[in-house]
Amino acid sequence: MKAVRHFVRMVGICMITLCFFMPSCVNANAYHTISAKIPVFCVKMPEWEDYTYQVVIEPQNDTSPMPKATLLEILNHHTDAFEIEISEPGTFSYQIYEKTGDYLDVQYDSRIYHITVFVTQDDNDHLQYSVTVSETETDSKADSVQFQDGWVRDTEEVEGSQPDESSPDSPESDQTTSLPEPSTVSVPRNSDKVLTGDTSSVSSLFAITACSLVTAGLIVILSHKRARDENDQNL
């Protein structure tokens, strides 16, 4: 009987010891679940007040908790957020992108964001988190997750725009009245016009020159004749 009583006493002591230390052991390994939020902003779509964006989030590995919702429908020029419940420290990776719609005249945003959620514990064993955002194409850090859609026709109008009316290649530019250029006097190579602007003909000039030569010749002849006559008289 003493052995049985001793055994019961030992079991009681062990149970009391377990009841005393068990809460502290449980609290050391259990954390209060936190809700990490990743906000998404959608820029205003021109000329479409009730335009709605469809944004998707995907975990990048099996250790990343699944968000409460994997698809957000965000109204034009509004902000919404993905919520992820996390119950332990760690690093969790996600990918966020816009789902392409069915509108052929809408240019959907093709950017893909890589999200990293860092969860740590503070001195009181409370969980806290921080979020980093980067674009997958450029691998550059971004301040936030945002998407902006546009109209395809805006791009087509720029690429297929008509030439400017003031352009030299414009058809209407041929019809514009141009100021007359200053008139210049051009003389053909065989023309009888004097280049200095004199209206006399070249033949008249030649006649005057001929008359002058004849006159000069007559004067020379008369001078020689007069000199010969004087020589004869002196003899």
Protein backbone atom coordinates (compact mmCIF):
# COMPACT_ATOMS: atom_id res chain seq x y z
CA MET A 1 0.00 0.00 0.00
CA LYS A 2 2.82 2.35 0.75
CA ALA A 3 4.12 1.83 -2.77
CA VAL A 4 0.72 2.66 -4.26
CA ARG A 5 0.38 5.79 -2.16
CA HIS A 6 3.90 6.84 -3.15
CA PHE A 7 3.09 6.33 -6.83
CA VAL A 8 -0.12 8.35 -6.58
CA ARG A 9 1.77 11.10 -4.79
CA MET A 10 4.38 11.25 -7.57
CA VAL A 11 1.71 11.36 -10.28
CA GLY A 12 -0.02 14.23 -8.51
CA ILE A 13 3.23 16.18 -8.25
CA CYS A 14 3.87 15.67 -11.97
CA MET A 15 0.37 16.85 -12.90
CA ILE A 16 0.72 19.97 -10.78
CA THR A 17 4.09 20.70 -12.36
CA LEU A 18 2.66 20.31 -15.88
CA CYS A 19 -0.30 22.57 -15.11
CA PHE A 20 2.08 25.22 -13.84
CA PHE A 21 4.53 25.22 -16.76
CA MET A 22 2.17 24.38 -19.65
CA PRO A 23 0.70 27.93 -20.15
CA SER A 24 4.14 29.45 -20.40
CA CYS A 25 5.19 26.86 -22.98
CA VAL A 26 2.08 27.47 -25.07
CA ASN A 27 2.51 31.22 -24.97
CA ALA A 28 6.13 30.93 -26.02
CA ASN A 29 5.20 29.26 -29.33
CA ALA A 30 1.84 30.87 -30.17
CA TYR A 31 1.35 34.29 -31.82
CA HIS A 32 -1.64 36.46 -32.32
CA THR A 33 -2.61 36.42 -36.01
CA ILE A 34 -2.07 39.68 -37.83
CA SER A 35 -3.64 40.93 -41.06
CA ALA A 36 -1.09 42.31 -43.53
CA LYS A 37 -2.58 44.71 -46.07
CA ILE A 38 -1.23 45.49 -49.55
CA PRO A 39 -2.99 48.57 -50.99
CA VAL A 40 -3.59 48.93 -54.74
CA PHE A 41 -4.42 52.24 -56.41
CA CYS A 42 -6.06 52.46 -59.86
CA VAL A 43 -5.62 55.69 -61.83
CA LYS A 44 -8.62 57.39 -63.36
CA MET A 45 -9.66 56.12 -66.79
CA PRO A 46 -10.43 59.10 -69.08
CA GLU A 47 -14.03 59.49 -70.26
CA TRP A 48 -15.26 56.43 -68.30
CA GLU A 49 -16.53 57.23 -64.85
CA ASP A 50 -17.59 53.70 -63.78
CA TYR A 51 -14.61 51.87 -65.29
CA THR A 52 -13.48 48.90 -63.14
CA TYR A 53 -10.01 47.40 -62.85
CA GLN A 54 -9.51 43.68 -62.10
CA VAL A 55 -6.34 43.08 -60.09
CA VAL A 56 -4.95 39.62 -59.20
CA ILE A 57 -2.56 38.48 -56.46
CA GLU A 58 -0.72 35.13 -56.50
CA PRO A 59 1.53 33.56 -53.82
CA GLN A 60 5.00 32.72 -55.19
CA ASN A 61 5.59 29.64 -53.00
CA ASP A 62 3.79 27.16 -50.79
CA THR A 63 4.95 28.80 -47.57
CA SER A 64 3.22 32.10 -48.35
CA PRO A 65 -0.29 32.23 -46.84
CA MET A 66 -3.17 32.57 -49.26
CA PRO A 67 -4.81 36.05 -49.20
CA LYS A 68 -8.45 36.37 -48.23
CA ALA A 69 -9.28 37.36 -51.81
CA THR A 70 -7.11 36.74 -54.86
CA LEU A 71 -9.07 39.12 -57.14
CA LEU A 72 -10.02 42.73 -56.47
CA GLU A 73 -12.42 44.73 -58.62
CA ILE A 74 -11.41 48.32 -58.06
CA LEU A 75 -13.53 51.19 -59.29
CA ASN A 76 -12.03 53.92 -61.45
CA HIS A 77 -9.73 56.26 -59.44
CA HIS A 78 -10.09 54.28 -56.20
CA THR A 79 -7.90 52.31 -53.79
CA ASP A 80 -8.45 48.85 -52.33
CA ALA A 81 -6.18 46.38 -50.52
CA PHE A 82 -5.38 42.69 -50.43
CA GLU A 83 -5.49 41.20 -46.91
CA ILE A 84 -3.27 38.32 -45.78
CA GLU A 85 -3.63 36.67 -42.36
CA ILE A 86 -0.23 35.66 -41.01
CA SER A 87 0.33 33.76 -37.76
CA GLU A 88 4.10 33.32 -37.63
CA PRO A 89 7.32 35.18 -38.49
CA GLY A 90 8.78 34.74 -41.95
CA THR A 91 9.28 36.19 -45.41
CA PHE A 92 6.43 35.78 -47.87
CA SER A 93 6.39 36.55 -51.60
CA TYR A 94 3.52 37.50 -53.90
CA GLN A 95 2.89 38.74 -57.41
CA ILE A 96 0.27 41.36 -58.34
CA TYR A 97 -0.88 42.22 -61.86
CA GLU A 98 -3.94 43.50 -63.72
CA LYS A 99 -6.18 40.97 -65.43
CA THR A 100 -6.63 41.76 -69.12
CA GLY A 101 -10.25 42.47 -70.01
CA ASP A 102 -12.29 41.99 -73.18
CA TYR A 103 -12.40 45.59 -74.41
CA LEU A 104 -10.44 45.85 -77.66
CA ASP A 105 -10.15 49.62 -77.49
CA VAL A 106 -8.60 49.63 -73.99
CA GLN A 107 -4.85 49.52 -73.46
CA TYR A 108 -4.44 47.46 -70.27
CA ASP A 109 -1.55 48.06 -67.91
CA SER A 110 1.03 45.28 -68.36
CA ARG A 111 3.11 45.96 -65.25
CA ILE A 112 3.73 43.11 -62.80
CA TYR A 113 4.65 43.87 -59.20
CA HIS A 114 6.68 41.63 -56.90
CA ILE A 115 5.59 41.91 -53.25
CA THR A 116 7.64 40.81 -50.27
CA VAL A 117 6.06 40.72 -46.79
CA PHE A 118 8.51 40.60 -43.89
CA VAL A 119 6.97 39.41 -40.60
CA THR A 120 8.95 39.66 -37.37
CA GLN A 121 8.22 39.57 -33.63
CA ASP A 122 8.84 42.40 -31.23
CA ASP A 123 10.07 42.24 -27.64
CA ASN A 124 6.56 41.33 -26.43
CA ASP A 125 6.30 38.45 -28.91
CA HIS A 126 3.80 40.39 -31.00
CA LEU A 127 3.99 40.03 -34.76
CA GLN A 128 4.69 43.03 -36.96
CA TYR A 129 5.14 43.30 -40.73
CA SER A 130 6.58 45.46 -43.47
CA VAL A 131 6.01 45.37 -47.24
CA THR A 132 8.39 46.09 -50.13
CA VAL A 133 7.24 46.58 -53.73
CA SER A 134 9.25 46.28 -56.94
CA GLU A 135 8.47 45.99 -60.64
CA THR A 136 9.50 42.66 -62.13
CA GLU A 137 10.50 44.08 -65.53
CA THR A 138 12.89 46.74 -64.21
CA ASP A 139 13.54 45.15 -60.79
CA SER A 140 13.39 48.68 -59.38
CA LYS A 141 11.75 49.52 -56.09
CA ALA A 142 8.33 51.15 -56.32
CA ASP A 143 6.57 53.36 -53.81
CA SER A 144 3.22 51.65 -54.27
CA VAL A 145 1.18 49.31 -56.44
CA GLN A 146 -0.83 51.20 -59.03
CA PHE A 147 -2.27 50.56 -62.48
CA GLN A 148 -3.32 52.91 -65.25
CA ASP A 149 -5.28 51.90 -68.34
CA GLY A 150 -5.78 54.02 -71.45
CA TRP A 151 -7.48 54.11 -74.82
CA VAL A 152 -5.96 52.35 -77.81
CA ARG A 153 -7.40 55.01 -80.15
CA ASP A 154 -5.29 57.67 -78.43
CA THR A 155 -2.15 55.90 -79.64
CA GLU A 156 -3.56 55.29 -83.13
CA GLU A 157 -4.45 58.95 -83.57
CA VAL A 158 -0.92 59.97 -82.71
CA GLU A 159 0.66 57.41 -85.07
CA GLY A 160 -1.76 58.07 -87.94
CA SER A 161 -2.16 61.81 -87.54
CA GLN A 162 -2.53 63.94 -90.64
CA PRO A 163 0.28 66.30 -91.68
CA ASP A 164 0.15 69.81 -90.37
CA GLU A 165 -1.58 72.31 -92.67
CA SER A 166 1.41 74.59 -92.34
CA SER A 167 3.81 71.81 -93.29
CA PRO A 168 5.54 72.11 -96.65
CA ASP A 169 4.28 68.63 -97.55
CA SER A 170 0.66 69.52 -96.93
CA PRO A 171 -1.49 69.65 -100.10
CA GLU A 172 -3.07 72.90 -99.02
CA SER A 173 0.30 74.58 -98.77
CA ASP A 174 0.53 74.61 -102.59
CA GLN A 175 -2.52 76.90 -102.71
CA THR A 176 -1.05 79.59 -100.49
CA THR A 177 -0.15 82.88 -102.12
CA SER A 178 3.57 83.57 -102.09
CA LEU A 179 5.12 87.02 -102.39
CA PRO A 180 6.68 87.74 -105.79
CA GLU A 181 10.43 87.58 -105.92
CA PRO A 182 12.38 90.76 -106.87
CA SER A 183 12.57 91.08 -110.64
CA THR A 184 15.97 90.81 -112.25
CA VAL A 185 17.05 91.70 -115.79
CA SER A 186 18.62 88.78 -117.55
CA VAL A 187 20.17 89.21 -120.99
CA PRO A 188 20.51 86.24 -123.33
CA ARG A 189 23.97 85.52 -124.73
CA ASN A 190 22.98 86.58 -128.29
CA SER A 191 20.91 89.55 -127.22
CA ASP A 192 21.68 93.06 -128.58
CA LYS A 193 20.72 94.74 -125.28
CA VAL A 194 23.44 96.54 -123.38
CA LEU A 195 24.02 95.00 -119.96
CA THR A 196 24.35 98.41 -118.32
CA GLY A 197 20.71 99.13 -118.93
CA ASP A 198 21.24 101.43 -122.06
CA THR A 199 18.36 101.03 -124.52
CA SER A 200 20.53 101.84 -127.61
CA SER A 201 21.11 99.01 -129.99
CA VAL A 202 24.54 97.58 -130.65
CA SER A 203 24.22 98.44 -134.39
CA SER A 204 23.82 102.15 -133.54
CA LEU A 205 26.92 101.97 -131.44
CA PHE A 206 28.81 100.33 -134.27
CA ALA A 207 27.63 103.09 -136.71
CA ILE A 208 28.84 105.83 -134.40
CA THR A 209 32.17 104.09 -134.02
CA ALA A 210 32.52 103.68 -137.79
CA CYS A 211 31.74 107.35 -138.38
CA SER A 212 34.34 108.33 -135.82
CA LEU A 213 36.95 106.18 -137.53
CA VAL A 214 36.11 107.58 -140.97
CA THR A 215 36.32 111.12 -139.64
CA ALA A 216 39.61 110.37 -138.00
CA GLY A 217 40.89 108.86 -141.25
CA LEU A 218 39.86 111.90 -143.26
CA ILE A 219 41.59 114.19 -140.80
CA VAL A 220 44.78 112.14 -141.07
CA ILE A 221 44.63 112.16 -144.89
CA LEU A 222 43.99 115.91 -145.02
CA SER A 223 46.83 116.53 -142.61
CA HIS A 224 49.25 114.53 -144.78
CA LYS A 225 48.05 116.32 -147.92
CA ARG A 226 48.45 119.70 -146.30
CA ALA A 227 51.94 118.84 -145.13
CA ARG A 228 52.92 117.67 -148.66
CA ASP A 229 51.55 120.86 -150.23
CA GLU A 230 53.60 122.97 -147.86
CA ASN A 231 56.71 121.00 -148.74
CA ASP A 232 56.10 121.57 -152.47
CA GLN A 233 55.72 125.32 -151.96
CA ASN A 234 58.94 125.49 -150.04
CA LEU A 235 60.80 123.89 -152.96
